[in-house]
Protein backbone atom coordinates (compact mmCIF):
# COMPACT_ATOMS: atom_id res chain seq x y z
CA MET A 1 0.69 7.96 -17.93
CA ASN A 2 2.04 11.45 -18.46
CA GLU A 3 4.96 13.15 -16.74
CA THR A 4 2.70 15.46 -14.73
CA LEU A 5 0.90 12.50 -13.17
CA ARG A 6 4.21 10.77 -12.41
CA ASN A 7 5.45 13.92 -10.68
CA SER A 8 2.23 14.12 -8.66
CA ILE A 9 2.65 10.49 -7.56
CA SER A 10 6.23 11.23 -6.54
CA ALA A 11 5.11 14.26 -4.54
CA LEU A 12 2.36 12.23 -2.88
CA VAL A 13 4.78 9.48 -1.84
CA ASP A 14 7.20 12.11 -0.49
CA GLN A 15 4.31 13.74 1.42
CA GLU A 16 4.83 16.95 -0.54
CA ALA A 17 1.68 16.82 -2.69
CA SER A 18 -0.91 19.54 -2.58
CA GLU A 19 -4.51 18.56 -1.97
CA PHE A 20 -5.14 19.03 -5.69
CA GLU A 21 -2.28 16.68 -6.63
CA ALA A 22 -3.45 14.05 -4.14
CA ARG A 23 -6.99 14.19 -5.56
CA LYS A 24 -5.64 13.96 -9.10
CA VAL A 25 -3.64 10.82 -8.26
CA LEU A 26 -6.58 9.20 -6.45
CA ASN A 27 -8.96 9.93 -9.32
CA ALA A 28 -6.48 8.60 -11.88
CA SER A 29 -5.97 5.42 -9.84
CA LYS A 30 -9.66 4.60 -10.16
CA SER A 31 -9.46 4.29 -13.93
CA ARG A 32 -5.80 3.52 -14.66
CA SER A 33 -4.24 0.41 -13.15
CA GLU A 34 -0.70 1.53 -13.93
CA VAL A 35 -1.02 4.38 -11.39
CA PHE A 36 -1.07 1.95 -8.46
CA GLY A 37 1.91 0.02 -9.87
CA TYR A 38 3.94 3.21 -10.24
CA TRP A 39 2.97 4.32 -6.72
CA ALA A 40 3.94 0.90 -5.31
CA LYS A 41 7.35 1.10 -6.97
CA PHE A 42 8.00 4.50 -5.37
CA HIS A 43 7.10 3.09 -1.96
CA ALA A 44 9.34 0.05 -2.49
CA VAL A 45 12.28 2.29 -3.37
CA GLY A 46 11.65 4.49 -0.34
CA SER A 47 11.41 1.46 1.95
CA ALA A 48 14.62 0.03 0.56
CA MET A 49 16.41 3.34 1.08
CA ARG A 50 15.26 3.38 4.72
CA GLY A 51 16.44 -0.22 5.18
CA GLU A 52 12.93 -1.54 5.74
CA GLN A 53 12.13 -5.12 4.83
CA LEU A 54 10.16 -5.42 1.61
CA VAL A 55 7.18 -7.75 1.24
CA ASP A 56 5.85 -8.69 -2.19
CA GLY A 57 2.35 -7.27 -2.72
CA SER A 58 0.90 -10.60 -3.78
CA LEU A 59 2.36 -12.26 -0.69
CA LEU A 60 0.88 -9.55 1.48
CA ASP A 61 -2.50 -10.03 -0.20
CA ARG A 62 -2.37 -13.79 0.50
CA ILE A 63 -1.41 -13.21 4.15
CA ASN A 64 -4.23 -10.71 4.62
CA ALA A 65 -6.71 -13.07 2.96
CA THR A 66 -5.61 -15.90 5.24
CA LEU A 67 -5.84 -13.71 8.34
CA ASP A 68 -9.28 -12.45 7.29
CA GLY A 69 -10.47 -16.04 6.92
CA GLN A 70 -9.07 -17.05 10.29
CA ALA A 71 -10.55 -14.04 12.01
CA ALA A 72 -13.99 -15.02 10.73
CA THR A 73 -13.76 -18.68 11.82
CA ALA A 74 -11.24 -18.99 14.66
CA PRO A 75 -12.26 -17.91 18.14
CA ILE A 76 -9.86 -15.73 20.10
CA SER A 77 -8.27 -17.73 22.88
CA ASP A 78 -6.24 -16.66 25.88
CA SER A 79 -2.97 -18.58 25.79
CA SER A 80 -1.81 -17.22 29.15
CA GLY A 81 -3.86 -19.76 31.08
CA VAL A 82 -5.60 -17.05 33.13
CA LYS A 83 -9.30 -17.73 33.71
């Protein structure tokens, strides 16, 4: 990954990217797996600086997969007891 692309990712994370830069990052992410990893690191640093709690990406993927499976099989129930 070149310096220009890294700078574009940084600008995108900071919400300072032009439309061209945003498109360039999105197009690069389709063919280069390291783009997403670099982008994720920027977001983790930003979250840490804001004092937000960090969740590991693989953990988040497992939680989402579990919730998706439950949503497909478990009916929604009203726990308030109102009928």
